[in-house]
Amino acid sequence: MGSFFRILIFLSYFLGTMLVSSRVSISLLEKERQQLHGLQLRASAFNFPPCLSIVKKPSGNVTYFGICHDIVSWIAEHFHMQLIFVPTDDTDIVRHGIIPALISQIVKGEVDIIPYAFAPTTSHLLQLDFTITLRVEDYNLLQQWPKEESRLTAYIRPFSLMVWILFLISTGAMILCMSILTYYHQQWSENWKWKSFTDNIDLHANYVITVITGQGNHISSKTRFSLRLVVGLWCLTMVALVNAYTSTLMSYLTVPKLKPIVNTLADLAASLDTQVTVDFESDPSRIFLDASVGPNVIIGDFLRNNPQFLVKGSLEGLKNVLHEGATYFANRAVVYYFMAMDMKSHGKCRLTSSDPIPYIRTYSFGLPKNSRHNAIINHDLEYLLESGLLPFWLKRYTPNIDKCLVGKTKPQRRMMPFTLLDLSSAFLFLGIGVGLSFFTFLLEVMTQFKRKQQNKIRRVLVAQPLLL
């Protein structure tokens, strides 16, 4: 019993100590929060969508919006602080870049927080502190919406080139085989009307065409068993082939087929007509420019030879995509934001994104070096992450982007009549057939005319000795 009471007393003491410690900790945290109440929260102001964007009103005032604006506004509201935006010097941004200009602001004590999506590096940690990781993003390739493949080739796309080659070879071999068997069968049969080998080829070519086009596959009972066996097996193959072709052809005519997009860095490096644009201040620019192996070397060489594609901000990267047909390598939030904004302004998908590239970065806000308030700000930012507000805010800036992701949505068949463009391949083949027929007709006319001329000359030469 004595040992039991000692254990009970120890547990009571331990729980009491923990409760007192917890109350003291909560009291200290609350005291830290109260020290921020009523203070000004000076934040850097710059134009870098989708993080922070500046909108000028007709009255001359400016407003801010963006995912970084929402976060810093939450911090100000949570600590009951007065949020004030301090514009970053545009001259410094142009001369040194946006990241050095922002760091200069906080080092000089002009601001208390930098609402910019920093990817912390060792050099940055020497000059400022950072918040906890607010977002983990992978990278994507922003590119123009792919064009549709030409409708002129719709009638040959259901089968690959190898299938068409084998189809033509088998058809020719079948006509030749049937003609040879028929030719020798005529010599063995007494009641068969004899025809030349070329006539047999013409006959069986017409028969093959009727089978392929579904006009019929009747085999004469007079045909020898060996020939009927070959023809029967071939007809069975053609039935399966023609049915597969017609069913697939409907999909090619009713569902537009887009040209493939660039989905990986290897595809990007291998593409001869694709250009890449990168923010020169971002880490990805270094993985290309400093690369020594792989597709990154090819991309790095392109950027060195074309420095105009090393841009100073996401807006310049977007311009290169829209006007130069380039591919912009940026984090997913930036890519999706530009897709959403462009679709909202134009009412259709002009941009699309690749699958995620295996390159992931963490993002944080900048804080003054060794500031006494950094700990409480980081502690309470955990509440923001747990609330799920960040994904909600981000989704608000990137609505309905799924419809602009190639291959992510199931294409719908069009409930409308076929147009001339849809059937252009059929008319193309009709034109080719008419042209070949007309060309053959001209050759026949020329051959017949030449024969007549030769016969006339021959008759004249024969008649001359008689006249003499």
Foldseek 3Di string as FASTA:
>chain_A
DVVVVVVVVVVVVVVVVVVVVVVVVVVVLVVLLQVQAAAEAEEEADDAPQQKHWDADPVGDIDIHHLLVVVVVVLCVVSNHHYDYDYFDPVCCVVPNDVVSRLVCLQVVVGFWYSDWDQDDPVSLVRFDWFPFDDKFFKWKKAWQFDFDALLCLLVVLDDPVVVVVVVVVLVVLLLVQLVLVQVVVVVDPPDDHDDSVVSSVVVNVQSVCLLVVVDLDDDPPRDPVNVVSSVVVSVVSVVVSVSSVVVSVCCLFFTHGDDDDAELLSQLPDPQEAEAEACPDPVLCCLLVPDDDSSVSNNVRCVVPVQRHDRGLVSVVCCRVPVRYMYIDTPLSSLLVQQVVCVVPVDGGMEIHPGYPDMTTTTMTGGHPDPSSVSSNVCVVVVSVVPVSVVSSCVSRDPCQVNYPPSDDTDGDPDDRDCSSCVNVVVVVVVVVVVVVVVVVVVVVVVVVVVVVVVVVVVVVCVVVVD
